[in-house]
Every structure is written in structure tokens, then in C-alpha cells.
Amino acid sequence: MASEEHIPATNMNSEFPLRLERPIVFLDIQTTGPDHRTARIVKLTTLRVEPDGTEQFRSQLINPNSPISPGATNFHGISDEDVADARPFAVYAKALYEYLNGCDLAGFGIRRFHVRVLRQEFEFAGFDFEINERVIVDAMEIYHRLEPRDFAGAYRRFVGGKFVRTIEDEVTVNAIKAIIHGQMTQHPDLPDDAASLERWATGESIERHIDDEGRFTLSDEGDPLINFGRYRGHTLYDLSETHPDYLRWIAGDDSFTEHQRQIAADAAEGIMPDFD
């Protein structure tokens, strides 16, 4: 796999406490969107560390041959224009497969997302990328074990003490209020009005949602977009012309809300949502 950057090998044995029996590759993958079933890689960065401590760094832009969703671009800063002249994953697949051969893997949230997307890309390129014999060290899993993200953990951190559930109705709701109070007290930079706090917590602008769940949203330019599935990032204008059957499928699927089905049904007929 060709690289955009290369950092000379260094020795890190005196600093890094993880004992290695074979090479481990730290992965960071940027994609076209957050759904691992449809995401394609737009940038792959690796740091391979050998048991003797030497390191090799590589980073490569990749043309996903599919649109990058606006939300993804806002997150990682990579646009369709940035990867327009890059090569697709298939060009690097063989070299990357060999580079990762015999290596364990590490990352943040790697098991749930990065590995799934990587295996899918290899599959598209004709390679069977097995992970059964690899160790996967996930920093997010370690973090969540060190600092549990459950109700009791939130209470302990932001209120103090141990939360004990009782049959009294007001105990839990008052505890929730106390947790939010503690969060805002410990982090005074948080927004102090409910609507702004919601936007901060979800990481996106609720005002851009066309439906309550944000499955249809607005682009930065104000165009209606589909925000899930295989056509994430495509405008409803385009889908109404190129894939109206997909919109009709949404319109007839009971797993979507009535409002979402109506948006899809209208778009299939070329009628766009009313934003007023």
C-alpha cells in the first residue's frame, strides 16, 4: 500500500507497556458515513508496531466511488473533491492484505465499526480478511470497562456516592435531575438551555432534520437528503429520478414512521418536503 506520509522507525519499548508477541497495527479509518453496512473507506491510517518496538506509519486517501455524506465530511473534513483523484481501495488491497498478515489489530471502536468496514472492503476486492486468529485491542472497550457508562457510573461520577434503586417513584427521576445538574456543574462550558444542550449531546443540528428521527435531513446547501442506508448522502431530488423504487420501498415499510413513509412516497413522485 502506497503511503502519503512515512515516519522513520523508532523504538518504543521503554515507553509502551503493552508486551507484544507479534506485530500489532493501530488502525484509524475515515468513511463515507456512520453505517458500517454501507460505509466505504475514504482514508486509512495505520501504525504498525513490531515486537522489538520499531514502528511504521502509513496514511492514504482512497476514492470510495460513492458520495461522502455531509455529516461525515463535517466529522473528518474529507470531501468528495479531496478524494476525486485518489485510487480506489482495490488498488491497495493486495499490498494492504500482506501488510496486515500475521498482525493483531488495535483502535478506538475498532471491533464495532473499523474492522467490519475493512472486511467489507477486502471482500469487494476479492480478499477474505479473517479476524478469528487475530487479537483485537479496542481502546473504547477498555475505556468503558475502566469507566462504566451506565446509570450507576453516571451517578457516581456526577453526583457522588452509590445509587441504590428503590420502589419509591421519585428516587430515579430525582437522580436523573441530579446527574444532569452535576454534568453541567462539572462542565460549565456546556450549553445552558435545553435546545442547545440537545444539539450538543447529539452532535448534530436538530433544525436540519426533516423528520423527528433525522432519517431525512437538509444539506448545508438546504437540499433534502436521505440520512441512512445505502443512499446516505444522496439528495431526494436525485433519488426521485434514479431510484424511485427505493423511495417506494421506504413508503411501504412499516418500520418507518408515518411521516417518513409520506416523505418517501412524495419524493418518489417528485414532490419534495415542505420546509416552512
C-alpha atoms as a PDB file:
ATOM      1  CA  MET A   1       0.000   0.000   0.000  1.00  0.00           C
ATOM      2  CA  ALA A   2       1.484   3.309  -1.067  1.00  0.00           C
ATOM      3  CA  SER A   3       1.621   5.992   1.568  1.00  0.00           C
ATOM      4  CA  GLU A   4       1.245   9.737   1.717  1.00  0.00           C
ATOM      5  CA  GLU A   5       3.390  10.009   4.816  1.00  0.00           C
ATOM      6  CA  HIS A   6       6.120   7.929   6.384  1.00  0.00           C
ATOM      7  CA  ILE A   7       7.620   8.293   9.822  1.00  0.00           C
ATOM      8  CA  PRO A   8      11.035   6.650  10.301  1.00  0.00           C
ATOM      9  CA  ALA A   9      11.089   3.559  12.502  1.00  0.00           C
ATOM     10  CA  THR A  10      11.606   4.225  16.187  1.00  0.00           C
ATOM     11  CA  ASN A  11      11.997   2.124  19.287  1.00  0.00           C
ATOM     12  CA  MET A  12       9.253   2.471  21.880  1.00  0.00           C
ATOM     13  CA  ASN A  13       9.908  -0.464  24.215  1.00  0.00           C
ATOM     14  CA  SER A  14      10.924   1.814  27.069  1.00  0.00           C
ATOM     15  CA  GLU A  15       7.680   3.814  26.804  1.00  0.00           C
ATOM     16  CA  PHE A  16       4.924   1.472  25.627  1.00  0.00           C
ATOM     17  CA  PRO A  17       3.817  -1.018  28.304  1.00  0.00           C
ATOM     18  CA  LEU A  18       1.963  -3.496  26.055  1.00  0.00           C
ATOM     19  CA  ARG A  19       4.000  -6.668  25.615  1.00  0.00           C
ATOM     20  CA  LEU A  20       3.842  -7.831  22.011  1.00  0.00           C
ATOM     21  CA  GLU A  21       4.251 -11.401  20.796  1.00  0.00           C
ATOM     22  CA  ARG A  22       3.667 -10.414  17.163  1.00  0.00           C
ATOM     23  CA  PRO A  23       3.169  -7.153  15.263  1.00  0.00           C
ATOM     24  CA  ILE A  24       0.162  -5.036  16.107  1.00  0.00           C
ATOM     25  CA  VAL A  25      -1.373  -2.477  13.740  1.00  0.00           C
ATOM     26  CA  PHE A  26      -3.177   0.551  15.145  1.00  0.00           C
ATOM     27  CA  LEU A  27      -5.957   1.473  12.704  1.00  0.00           C
ATOM     28  CA  ASP A  28      -7.880   4.654  12.039  1.00  0.00           C
ATOM     29  CA  ILE A  29     -10.432   4.566   9.238  1.00  0.00           C
ATOM     30  CA  GLN A  30     -12.434   7.503   7.894  1.00  0.00           C
ATOM     31  CA  THR A  31     -15.505   6.631   5.840  1.00  0.00           C
ATOM     32  CA  THR A  32     -18.371   7.949   3.752  1.00  0.00           C
ATOM     33  CA  GLY A  33     -20.815   7.596   6.660  1.00  0.00           C
ATOM     34  CA  PRO A  34     -21.519   6.018  10.046  1.00  0.00           C
ATOM     35  CA  ASP A  35     -23.399   2.883   8.908  1.00  0.00           C
ATOM     36  CA  HIS A  36     -20.868   0.026   8.667  1.00  0.00           C
ATOM     37  CA  ARG A  37     -23.138  -1.810   6.230  1.00  0.00           C
ATOM     38  CA  THR A  38     -22.860   0.901   3.585  1.00  0.00           C
ATOM     39  CA  ALA A  39     -19.753   2.885   4.581  1.00  0.00           C
ATOM     40  CA  ARG A  40     -16.779   2.969   2.222  1.00  0.00           C
ATOM     41  CA  ILE A  41     -13.277   3.958   3.258  1.00  0.00           C
ATOM     42  CA  VAL A  42     -12.009   7.416   2.268  1.00  0.00           C
ATOM     43  CA  LYS A  43      -8.842   7.437   4.365  1.00  0.00           C
ATOM     44  CA  LEU A  44      -6.876   4.636   6.005  1.00  0.00           C
ATOM     45  CA  THR A  45      -4.151   5.367   8.545  1.00  0.00           C
ATOM     46  CA  THR A  46      -2.039   2.671  10.170  1.00  0.00           C
ATOM     47  CA  LEU A  47       0.779   2.447  12.684  1.00  0.00           C
ATOM     48  CA  ARG A  48       2.442  -0.963  12.669  1.00  0.00           C
ATOM     49  CA  VAL A  49       4.469  -1.758  15.783  1.00  0.00           C
ATOM     50  CA  GLU A  50       6.845  -4.714  15.828  1.00  0.00           C
ATOM     51  CA  PRO A  51       7.643  -6.771  18.945  1.00  0.00           C
ATOM     52  CA  ASP A  52      11.068  -5.102  19.053  1.00  0.00           C
ATOM     53  CA  GLY A  53       9.341  -1.702  19.251  1.00  0.00           C
ATOM     54  CA  THR A  54      10.051  -0.393  15.755  1.00  0.00           C
ATOM     55  CA  GLU A  55       7.192   1.463  14.094  1.00  0.00           C
ATOM     56  CA  GLN A  56       5.958   2.113  10.571  1.00  0.00           C
ATOM     57  CA  PHE A  57       3.321   4.761   9.822  1.00  0.00           C
ATOM     58  CA  ARG A  58       1.200   4.973   6.663  1.00  0.00           C
ATOM     59  CA  SER A  59      -1.756   7.134   5.641  1.00  0.00           C
ATOM     60  CA  GLN A  60      -3.636   7.065   2.349  1.00  0.00           C
ATOM     61  CA  LEU A  61      -6.630   8.837   0.843  1.00  0.00           C
ATOM     62  CA  ILE A  62      -8.931   6.435  -1.009  1.00  0.00           C
ATOM     63  CA  ASN A  63     -11.618   7.072  -3.602  1.00  0.00           C
ATOM     64  CA  PRO A  64     -14.763   5.340  -2.296  1.00  0.00           C
ATOM     65  CA  ASN A  65     -16.580   5.576  -5.634  1.00  0.00           C
ATOM     66  CA  SER A  66     -19.636   6.751  -3.711  1.00  0.00           C
ATOM     67  CA  PRO A  67     -20.669  10.100  -2.190  1.00  0.00           C
ATOM     68  CA  ILE A  68     -19.352  11.167   1.192  1.00  0.00           C
ATOM     69  CA  SER A  69     -22.251  12.226   3.405  1.00  0.00           C
ATOM     70  CA  PRO A  70     -22.231  15.846   4.631  1.00  0.00           C
ATOM     71  CA  GLY A  71     -22.188  14.631   8.220  1.00  0.00           C
ATOM     72  CA  ALA A  72     -19.094  12.538   7.565  1.00  0.00           C
ATOM     73  CA  THR A  73     -17.323  15.458   5.895  1.00  0.00           C
ATOM     74  CA  ASN A  74     -18.156  17.652   8.881  1.00  0.00           C
ATOM     75  CA  PHE A  75     -16.638  14.992  11.143  1.00  0.00           C
ATOM     76  CA  HIS A  76     -13.365  14.173   9.352  1.00  0.00           C
ATOM     77  CA  GLY A  77     -13.003  17.093   6.943  1.00  0.00           C
ATOM     78  CA  ILE A  78     -12.673  14.955   3.797  1.00  0.00           C
ATOM     79  CA  SER A  79     -14.902  15.914   0.882  1.00  0.00           C
ATOM     80  CA  ASP A  80     -15.735  14.298  -2.445  1.00  0.00           C
ATOM     81  CA  GLU A  81     -13.339  16.725  -4.109  1.00  0.00           C
ATOM     82  CA  ASP A  82     -10.486  15.645  -1.836  1.00  0.00           C
ATOM     83  CA  VAL A  83     -10.689  12.022  -2.997  1.00  0.00           C
ATOM     84  CA  ALA A  84     -11.693  12.624  -6.617  1.00  0.00           C
ATOM     85  CA  ASP A  85      -8.165  11.899  -7.902  1.00  0.00           C
ATOM     86  CA  ALA A  86      -7.355   9.188  -5.337  1.00  0.00           C
ATOM     87  CA  ARG A  87      -7.264   5.496  -6.226  1.00  0.00           C
ATOM     88  CA  PRO A  88      -9.902   3.021  -5.037  1.00  0.00           C
ATOM     89  CA  PHE A  89      -9.328   0.520  -2.240  1.00  0.00           C
ATOM     90  CA  ALA A  90      -8.932  -2.359  -4.712  1.00  0.00           C
ATOM     91  CA  VAL A  91      -5.649  -0.869  -5.940  1.00  0.00           C
ATOM     92  CA  TYR A  92      -4.136  -1.205  -2.459  1.00  0.00           C
ATOM     93  CA  ALA A  93      -5.945  -4.353  -1.346  1.00  0.00           C
ATOM     94  CA  LYS A  94      -3.211  -6.925  -2.078  1.00  0.00           C
ATOM     95  CA  ALA A  95      -0.392  -4.890  -0.542  1.00  0.00           C
ATOM     96  CA  LEU A  96      -2.520  -3.996   2.494  1.00  0.00           C
ATOM     97  CA  TYR A  97      -3.581  -7.621   2.930  1.00  0.00           C
ATOM     98  CA  GLU A  98       0.067  -8.664   3.042  1.00  0.00           C
ATOM     99  CA  TYR A  99       0.967  -5.737   5.309  1.00  0.00           C
ATOM    100  CA  LEU A 100      -1.655  -6.844   7.844  1.00  0.00           C
ATOM    101  CA  ASN A 101      -0.860 -10.551   7.537  1.00  0.00           C
ATOM    102  CA  GLY A 102       0.106 -12.050  10.886  1.00  0.00           C
ATOM    103  CA  CYS A 103      -0.706  -8.842  12.770  1.00  0.00           C
ATOM    104  CA  ASP A 104      -3.037  -8.152  15.643  1.00  0.00           C
ATOM    105  CA  LEU A 105      -5.208  -5.029  15.435  1.00  0.00           C
ATOM    106  CA  ALA A 106      -5.885  -2.078  17.712  1.00  0.00           C
ATOM    107  CA  GLY A 107      -8.056   1.012  17.532  1.00  0.00           C
ATOM    108  CA  PHE A 108     -10.850   3.011  19.146  1.00  0.00           C
ATOM    109  CA  GLY A 109     -14.268   1.468  18.466  1.00  0.00           C
ATOM    110  CA  ILE A 110     -12.485  -0.850  16.065  1.00  0.00           C
ATOM    111  CA  ARG A 111     -14.488  -4.007  16.743  1.00  0.00           C
ATOM    112  CA  ARG A 112     -17.902  -2.463  16.092  1.00  0.00           C
ATOM    113  CA  PHE A 113     -17.008  -0.355  13.076  1.00  0.00           C
ATOM    114  CA  HIS A 114     -13.496  -0.241  11.623  1.00  0.00           C
ATOM    115  CA  VAL A 115     -12.977  -3.998  11.317  1.00  0.00           C
ATOM    116  CA  ARG A 116     -16.405  -4.505   9.763  1.00  0.00           C
ATOM    117  CA  VAL A 117     -15.815  -1.817   7.158  1.00  0.00           C
ATOM    118  CA  LEU A 118     -12.303  -3.107   6.438  1.00  0.00           C
ATOM    119  CA  ARG A 119     -13.505  -6.695   5.981  1.00  0.00           C
ATOM    120  CA  GLN A 120     -16.211  -5.473   3.619  1.00  0.00           C
ATOM    121  CA  GLU A 121     -13.710  -3.515   1.522  1.00  0.00           C
ATOM    122  CA  PHE A 122     -11.461  -6.566   1.291  1.00  0.00           C
ATOM    123  CA  GLU A 123     -14.455  -8.685   0.284  1.00  0.00           C
ATOM    124  CA  PHE A 124     -15.329  -6.253  -2.517  1.00  0.00           C
ATOM    125  CA  ALA A 125     -11.706  -6.510  -3.683  1.00  0.00           C
ATOM    126  CA  GLY A 126     -11.786 -10.316  -3.666  1.00  0.00           C
ATOM    127  CA  PHE A 127      -9.885 -10.993  -0.422  1.00  0.00           C
ATOM    128  CA  ASP A 128     -11.068 -12.950   2.606  1.00  0.00           C
ATOM    129  CA  PHE A 129      -9.772 -10.910   5.538  1.00  0.00           C
ATOM    130  CA  GLU A 130     -10.094 -13.209   8.541  1.00  0.00           C
ATOM    131  CA  ILE A 131     -10.005 -11.857  12.083  1.00  0.00           C
ATOM    132  CA  ASN A 132     -10.647 -15.052  14.068  1.00  0.00           C
ATOM    133  CA  GLU A 133      -6.957 -15.661  14.702  1.00  0.00           C
ATOM    134  CA  ARG A 134      -6.169 -12.025  15.458  1.00  0.00           C
ATOM    135  CA  VAL A 135      -6.183 -10.268  18.794  1.00  0.00           C
ATOM    136  CA  ILE A 136      -8.253  -7.071  18.704  1.00  0.00           C
ATOM    137  CA  VAL A 137      -7.357  -4.464  21.324  1.00  0.00           C
ATOM    138  CA  ASP A 138     -10.113  -1.858  21.432  1.00  0.00           C
ATOM    139  CA  ALA A 139      -9.323   1.287  23.418  1.00  0.00           C
ATOM    140  CA  MET A 140     -13.032   2.117  23.627  1.00  0.00           C
ATOM    141  CA  GLU A 141     -13.830  -1.238  25.230  1.00  0.00           C
ATOM    142  CA  ILE A 142     -11.016  -0.702  27.728  1.00  0.00           C
ATOM    143  CA  TYR A 143     -12.271   2.817  28.449  1.00  0.00           C
ATOM    144  CA  HIS A 144     -15.811   1.605  29.076  1.00  0.00           C
ATOM    145  CA  ARG A 145     -14.576  -1.102  31.452  1.00  0.00           C
ATOM    146  CA  LEU A 146     -12.439   1.429  33.323  1.00  0.00           C
ATOM    147  CA  GLU A 147     -15.264   3.973  33.454  1.00  0.00           C
ATOM    148  CA  PRO A 148     -18.617   2.161  33.082  1.00  0.00           C
ATOM    149  CA  ARG A 149     -21.152   4.119  31.042  1.00  0.00           C
ATOM    150  CA  ASP A 150     -24.249   3.066  32.942  1.00  0.00           C
ATOM    151  CA  PHE A 151     -26.655   4.825  35.278  1.00  0.00           C
ATOM    152  CA  ALA A 152     -24.748   3.872  38.421  1.00  0.00           C
ATOM    153  CA  GLY A 153     -21.482   5.079  36.865  1.00  0.00           C
ATOM    154  CA  ALA A 154     -23.001   8.417  35.853  1.00  0.00           C
ATOM    155  CA  TYR A 155     -24.446   8.891  39.338  1.00  0.00           C
ATOM    156  CA  ARG A 156     -21.135   8.054  41.000  1.00  0.00           C
ATOM    157  CA  ARG A 157     -19.214  10.489  38.787  1.00  0.00           C
ATOM    158  CA  PHE A 158     -21.559  13.461  38.649  1.00  0.00           C
ATOM    159  CA  VAL A 159     -23.432  13.216  41.951  1.00  0.00           C
ATOM    160  CA  GLY A 160     -21.206  11.162  44.190  1.00  0.00           C
ATOM    161  CA  GLY A 161     -21.801   8.017  46.195  1.00  0.00           C
ATOM    162  CA  LYS A 162     -23.642   4.859  45.257  1.00  0.00           C
ATOM    163  CA  PHE A 163     -27.064   4.922  43.620  1.00  0.00           C
ATOM    164  CA  VAL A 164     -29.486   2.477  45.249  1.00  0.00           C
ATOM    165  CA  ARG A 165     -32.724   1.741  43.423  1.00  0.00           C
ATOM    166  CA  THR A 166     -35.902   1.645  45.484  1.00  0.00           C
ATOM    167  CA  ILE A 167     -39.591   1.207  44.779  1.00  0.00           C
ATOM    168  CA  GLU A 168     -40.177   4.888  45.510  1.00  0.00           C
ATOM    169  CA  ASP A 169     -41.162   6.614  42.269  1.00  0.00           C
ATOM    170  CA  GLU A 170     -39.314   9.874  42.818  1.00  0.00           C
ATOM    171  CA  VAL A 171     -35.910   8.395  43.555  1.00  0.00           C
ATOM    172  CA  THR A 172     -34.816   7.674  39.979  1.00  0.00           C
ATOM    173  CA  VAL A 173     -36.184  10.836  38.357  1.00  0.00           C
ATOM    174  CA  ASN A 174     -34.558  12.971  41.031  1.00  0.00           C
ATOM    175  CA  ALA A 175     -31.321  11.068  40.459  1.00  0.00           C
ATOM    176  CA  ILE A 176     -31.531  11.840  36.721  1.00  0.00           C
ATOM    177  CA  LYS A 177     -32.018  15.518  37.528  1.00  0.00           C
ATOM    178  CA  ALA A 178     -29.031  15.360  39.879  1.00  0.00           C
ATOM    179  CA  ILE A 179     -26.856  13.729  37.203  1.00  0.00           C
ATOM    180  CA  ILE A 180     -27.614  16.467  34.657  1.00  0.00           C
ATOM    181  CA  HIS A 181     -27.043  19.089  37.334  1.00  0.00           C
ATOM    182  CA  GLY A 182     -23.676  17.515  38.115  1.00  0.00           C
ATOM    183  CA  GLN A 183     -22.722  17.292  34.451  1.00  0.00           C
ATOM    184  CA  MET A 184     -23.413  20.975  33.890  1.00  0.00           C
ATOM    185  CA  THR A 185     -21.685  21.965  37.128  1.00  0.00           C
ATOM    186  CA  GLN A 186     -18.527  19.980  36.349  1.00  0.00           C
ATOM    187  CA  HIS A 187     -18.556  21.170  32.729  1.00  0.00           C
ATOM    188  CA  PRO A 188     -19.616  24.850  32.832  1.00  0.00           C
ATOM    189  CA  ASP A 189     -18.908  25.202  29.100  1.00  0.00           C
ATOM    190  CA  LEU A 190     -21.963  23.066  28.280  1.00  0.00           C
ATOM    191  CA  PRO A 191     -24.930  24.966  26.773  1.00  0.00           C
ATOM    192  CA  ASP A 192     -27.304  26.195  29.464  1.00  0.00           C
ATOM    193  CA  ASP A 193     -30.568  25.985  27.520  1.00  0.00           C
ATOM    194  CA  ALA A 194     -32.344  22.724  26.712  1.00  0.00           C
ATOM    195  CA  ALA A 195     -32.427  23.055  22.913  1.00  0.00           C
ATOM    196  CA  SER A 196     -28.733  23.901  22.638  1.00  0.00           C
ATOM    197  CA  LEU A 197     -27.829  21.134  25.062  1.00  0.00           C
ATOM    198  CA  GLU A 198     -29.754  18.635  22.933  1.00  0.00           C
ATOM    199  CA  ARG A 199     -27.873  19.745  19.821  1.00  0.00           C
ATOM    200  CA  TRP A 200     -24.547  19.431  21.650  1.00  0.00           C
ATOM    201  CA  ALA A 201     -25.385  15.973  23.020  1.00  0.00           C
ATOM    202  CA  THR A 202     -26.490  14.555  19.662  1.00  0.00           C
ATOM    203  CA  GLY A 203     -23.607  16.150  17.807  1.00  0.00           C
ATOM    204  CA  GLU A 204     -25.796  17.437  15.031  1.00  0.00           C
ATOM    205  CA  SER A 205     -28.196  20.223  14.222  1.00  0.00           C
ATOM    206  CA  ILE A 206     -31.733  19.126  15.023  1.00  0.00           C
ATOM    207  CA  GLU A 207     -33.046  22.027  12.923  1.00  0.00           C
ATOM    208  CA  ARG A 208     -31.787  20.236   9.820  1.00  0.00           C
ATOM    209  CA  HIS A 209     -33.946  17.183  10.473  1.00  0.00           C
ATOM    210  CA  ILE A 210     -36.932  16.881   8.175  1.00  0.00           C
ATOM    211  CA  ASP A 211     -38.465  14.117  10.314  1.00  0.00           C
ATOM    212  CA  ASP A 212     -38.272  13.598  14.059  1.00  0.00           C
ATOM    213  CA  GLU A 213     -35.561  10.910  13.858  1.00  0.00           C
ATOM    214  CA  GLY A 214     -33.311  12.640  11.330  1.00  0.00           C
ATOM    215  CA  ARG A 215     -33.592   9.923   8.684  1.00  0.00           C
ATOM    216  CA  PHE A 216     -34.242  12.717   6.235  1.00  0.00           C
ATOM    217  CA  THR A 217     -32.258  15.895   6.718  1.00  0.00           C
ATOM    218  CA  LEU A 218     -31.021  19.025   4.959  1.00  0.00           C
ATOM    219  CA  SER A 219     -27.587  19.541   3.458  1.00  0.00           C
ATOM    220  CA  ASP A 220     -25.502  22.635   4.087  1.00  0.00           C
ATOM    221  CA  GLU A 221     -26.979  23.973   0.856  1.00  0.00           C
ATOM    222  CA  GLY A 222     -30.533  23.286   2.008  1.00  0.00           C
ATOM    223  CA  ASP A 223     -31.200  20.265  -0.210  1.00  0.00           C
ATOM    224  CA  PRO A 224     -33.229  17.360   1.253  1.00  0.00           C
ATOM    225  CA  LEU A 225     -31.023  14.308   1.867  1.00  0.00           C
ATOM    226  CA  ILE A 226     -31.549  10.708   2.839  1.00  0.00           C
ATOM    227  CA  ASN A 227     -29.553  10.133   6.031  1.00  0.00           C
ATOM    228  CA  PHE A 228     -29.398   6.341   6.327  1.00  0.00           C
ATOM    229  CA  GLY A 229     -28.789   3.159   4.360  1.00  0.00           C
ATOM    230  CA  ARG A 230     -27.118   2.593   1.029  1.00  0.00           C
ATOM    231  CA  TYR A 231     -28.038   6.005  -0.374  1.00  0.00           C
ATOM    232  CA  ARG A 232     -26.991   8.054   2.654  1.00  0.00           C
ATOM    233  CA  GLY A 233     -25.915  11.500   1.478  1.00  0.00           C
ATOM    234  CA  HIS A 234     -27.931  11.385  -1.767  1.00  0.00           C
ATOM    235  CA  THR A 235     -30.490  14.114  -2.348  1.00  0.00           C
ATOM    236  CA  LEU A 236     -34.159  13.249  -2.662  1.00  0.00           C
ATOM    237  CA  TYR A 237     -34.095  15.074  -5.972  1.00  0.00           C
ATOM    238  CA  ASP A 238     -31.557  12.573  -7.349  1.00  0.00           C
ATOM    239  CA  LEU A 239     -33.283   9.537  -5.851  1.00  0.00           C
ATOM    240  CA  SER A 240     -36.642  10.555  -7.294  1.00  0.00           C
ATOM    241  CA  GLU A 241     -35.047  10.318 -10.746  1.00  0.00           C
ATOM    242  CA  THR A 242     -32.580   7.448 -10.367  1.00  0.00           C
ATOM    243  CA  HIS A 243     -34.024   5.174  -7.670  1.00  0.00           C
ATOM    244  CA  PRO A 244     -37.743   5.925  -7.161  1.00  0.00           C
ATOM    245  CA  ASP A 245     -38.350   2.235  -6.347  1.00  0.00           C
ATOM    246  CA  TYR A 246     -36.164   2.587  -3.250  1.00  0.00           C
ATOM    247  CA  LEU A 247     -38.277   5.502  -2.096  1.00  0.00           C
ATOM    248  CA  ARG A 248     -41.444   3.471  -2.738  1.00  0.00           C
ATOM    249  CA  TRP A 249     -39.983   0.638  -0.672  1.00  0.00           C
ATOM    250  CA  ILE A 250     -39.497   3.045   2.250  1.00  0.00           C
ATOM    251  CA  ALA A 251     -43.049   4.314   1.743  1.00  0.00           C
ATOM    252  CA  GLY A 252     -44.417   0.782   2.154  1.00  0.00           C
ATOM    253  CA  ASP A 253     -42.225  -0.382   5.038  1.00  0.00           C
ATOM    254  CA  ASP A 254     -43.873  -0.334   8.472  1.00  0.00           C
ATOM    255  CA  SER A 255     -40.501   0.002  10.218  1.00  0.00           C
ATOM    256  CA  PHE A 256     -40.556   3.675   9.212  1.00  0.00           C
ATOM    257  CA  THR A 257     -42.826   6.254  10.819  1.00  0.00           C
ATOM    258  CA  GLU A 258     -45.897   7.536   9.016  1.00  0.00           C
ATOM    259  CA  HIS A 259     -44.170  10.871   8.420  1.00  0.00           C
ATOM    260  CA  GLN A 260     -41.071   9.182   6.974  1.00  0.00           C
ATOM    261  CA  ARG A 261     -43.172   6.991   4.681  1.00  0.00           C
ATOM    262  CA  GLN A 262     -45.050  10.048   3.432  1.00  0.00           C
ATOM    263  CA  ILE A 263     -41.808  11.925   2.714  1.00  0.00           C
ATOM    264  CA  ALA A 264     -40.550   8.956   0.684  1.00  0.00           C
ATOM    265  CA  ALA A 265     -43.854   8.475  -1.149  1.00  0.00           C
ATOM    266  CA  ASP A 266     -43.977  12.145  -2.118  1.00  0.00           C
ATOM    267  CA  ALA A 267     -40.313  12.189  -3.188  1.00  0.00           C
ATOM    268  CA  ALA A 268     -40.878   9.147  -5.423  1.00  0.00           C
ATOM    269  CA  GLU A 269     -43.397  11.285  -7.283  1.00  0.00           C
ATOM    270  CA  GLY A 270     -41.053  14.262  -7.421  1.00  0.00           C
ATOM    271  CA  ILE A 271     -42.721  16.140  -4.551  1.00  0.00           C
ATOM    272  CA  MET A 272     -40.154  17.446  -2.099  1.00  0.00           C
ATOM    273  CA  PRO A 273     -40.777  18.083   1.639  1.00  0.00           C
ATOM    274  CA  ASP A 274     -42.230  21.404   2.729  1.00  0.00           C
ATOM    275  CA  PHE A 275     -39.611  23.122   4.925  1.00  0.00           C
ATOM    276  CA  ASP A 276     -41.759  26.038   6.031  1.00  0.00           C
END
